[in-house]
Amino acid sequence: MNLTKRKREALREQFRGRCAFCGSQLPSREWHAEFIGEDFVQGGIAAVCTECRCAKGNASPEAFRALLAEQVERARRHSANFRTAVRFGLCDVRAEPVVFWFEKHQARGVVSPSSGRASHHF
């Protein structure tokens, strides 16, 4: 998605400099402006880190959530290293649904679904 430099920075600020999905700090360059739909965020465009963009591909946020939920079971089936890490308490496996960063912070008012701007209230 092509955005002007000013719009790109505004989008990055809307998400407080964080990836809309995982919440990792976005670098000043090399992150993606991605259309995810107005059902999820105001304006429908989210700031997304390269790692989430690669993992997500063209999946919708709901399909990405389902894909992420499968990762633990896939690792358990195919990775002796993962099973060992779980056995020794190095990984905490939880059967909770994936909640994206933008969902957690919309609820707290940091990313406003109604205004499309970051709130400075904590």
Protein backbone atom coordinates (compact mmCIF):
# COMPACT_ATOMS: atom_id res chain seq x y z
CA MET A 1 0.00 0.00 0.00
CA ASN A 2 1.44 3.35 -1.02
CA LEU A 3 1.01 6.10 1.56
CA THR A 4 2.68 9.47 1.73
CA LYS A 5 5.45 9.82 4.29
CA ARG A 6 3.16 11.95 6.45
CA LYS A 7 0.27 9.43 6.34
CA ARG A 8 2.65 6.58 7.07
CA GLU A 9 3.97 8.31 10.17
CA ALA A 10 0.42 9.14 11.29
CA LEU A 11 -0.50 5.46 10.91
CA ARG A 12 2.55 4.42 12.91
CA GLU A 13 1.58 6.91 15.63
CA GLN A 14 -2.03 5.68 15.59
CA PHE A 15 -0.67 2.33 16.77
CA ARG A 16 1.80 3.97 19.18
CA GLY A 17 4.72 2.73 17.10
CA ARG A 18 3.69 -0.89 17.58
CA CYS A 19 2.61 -3.75 15.34
CA ALA A 20 -1.18 -3.98 15.34
CA PHE A 21 -0.99 -7.76 15.71
CA CYS A 22 1.89 -8.70 18.04
CA GLY A 23 2.61 -5.33 19.65
CA SER A 24 6.33 -5.35 18.92
CA GLN A 25 8.02 -1.98 18.48
CA LEU A 26 8.04 -0.97 14.82
CA PRO A 27 11.27 0.30 13.31
CA SER A 28 11.12 3.70 11.62
CA ARG A 29 11.29 1.89 8.27
CA GLU A 30 10.58 -1.60 6.96
CA TRP A 31 7.10 -2.17 8.34
CA HIS A 32 3.86 -2.56 6.40
CA ALA A 33 0.70 -0.50 6.09
CA GLU A 34 -1.92 -3.17 5.54
CA PHE A 35 -5.64 -3.01 4.87
CA ILE A 36 -7.36 -5.30 7.39
CA GLY A 37 -10.86 -3.84 7.22
CA GLU A 38 -12.92 -1.28 9.08
CA ASP A 39 -14.52 -4.04 11.16
CA PHE A 40 -11.20 -4.21 12.99
CA VAL A 41 -9.73 -0.68 13.06
CA GLN A 42 -10.89 2.80 12.08
CA GLY A 43 -9.87 3.49 8.51
CA GLY A 44 -9.24 -0.23 7.98
CA ILE A 45 -5.45 0.18 7.73
CA ALA A 46 -3.04 -1.20 10.31
CA ALA A 47 0.70 -0.84 10.97
CA VAL A 48 2.18 -4.35 10.80
CA CYS A 49 5.71 -5.64 11.47
CA THR A 50 7.49 -7.65 8.78
CA GLU A 51 7.35 -10.87 10.82
CA CYS A 52 3.56 -10.71 11.26
CA ARG A 53 3.08 -9.71 7.63
CA CYS A 54 5.08 -12.74 6.47
CA ALA A 55 3.31 -15.12 8.86
CA LYS A 56 -0.13 -13.71 8.02
CA GLY A 57 0.23 -13.62 4.26
CA ASN A 58 -3.09 -12.61 2.72
CA ALA A 59 -5.16 -14.08 5.56
CA SER A 60 -7.84 -11.99 7.23
CA PRO A 61 -7.28 -11.17 10.91
CA GLU A 62 -9.66 -13.99 11.88
CA ALA A 63 -7.88 -16.49 9.63
CA PHE A 64 -4.52 -15.30 11.03
CA ARG A 65 -5.87 -15.85 14.55
CA ALA A 66 -6.82 -19.44 13.62
CA LEU A 67 -3.41 -20.00 12.01
CA LEU A 68 -1.64 -18.81 15.17
CA ALA A 69 -3.82 -21.02 17.35
CA GLU A 70 -2.59 -24.06 15.39
CA GLN A 71 1.08 -23.27 16.01
CA VAL A 72 1.36 -24.84 19.47
CA GLU A 73 -0.21 -28.12 18.40
CA ARG A 74 1.94 -28.22 15.28
CA ALA A 75 5.07 -27.64 17.39
CA ARG A 76 3.96 -30.28 19.90
CA ARG A 77 3.48 -32.85 17.12
CA HIS A 78 6.64 -32.11 15.17
CA SER A 79 9.26 -30.69 17.53
CA ALA A 80 11.05 -32.73 20.16
CA ASN A 81 12.74 -29.49 21.25
CA PHE A 82 9.36 -27.85 21.93
CA ARG A 83 8.07 -30.88 23.86
CA THR A 84 11.25 -30.87 25.97
CA ALA A 85 10.95 -27.14 26.64
CA VAL A 86 7.34 -27.62 27.80
CA ARG A 87 8.30 -30.56 30.02
CA PHE A 88 10.96 -28.48 31.76
CA GLY A 89 8.65 -25.49 32.20
CA LEU A 90 10.48 -23.28 29.71
CA CYS A 91 7.27 -22.68 27.71
CA ASP A 92 3.90 -21.86 29.18
CA VAL A 93 1.26 -23.31 26.87
CA ARG A 94 -2.18 -21.79 27.35
CA ALA A 95 -5.47 -22.75 25.74
CA GLU A 96 -6.58 -19.13 25.40
CA PRO A 97 -7.70 -17.43 22.21
CA VAL A 98 -5.20 -15.17 20.49
CA VAL A 99 -5.91 -11.50 21.23
CA PHE A 100 -4.15 -9.05 18.97
CA TRP A 101 -2.42 -5.94 20.28
CA PHE A 102 -4.91 -3.58 18.63
CA GLU A 103 -7.82 -5.42 20.31
CA LYS A 104 -6.30 -5.13 23.77
CA HIS A 105 -5.50 -1.46 23.30
CA GLN A 106 -8.79 -0.47 21.70
CA ALA A 107 -10.45 -1.72 24.87
CA ARG A 108 -8.07 0.47 26.93
CA GLY A 109 -8.62 3.48 24.67
CA VAL A 110 -5.06 3.63 23.34
CA VAL A 111 -6.13 2.93 19.75
CA SER A 112 -9.56 4.36 19.19
CA PRO A 113 -11.86 2.50 16.80
CA SER A 114 -14.03 5.60 16.46
CA SER A 115 -11.48 8.34 15.78
CA GLY A 116 -8.63 6.45 14.16
CA ARG A 117 -6.16 8.35 16.33
CA ALA A 118 -4.11 7.23 19.26
CA SER A 119 -5.37 8.46 22.59
CA HIS A 120 -2.91 9.85 25.09
CA HIS A 121 -4.97 8.74 28.08
CA PHE A 122 -3.74 5.75 30.04
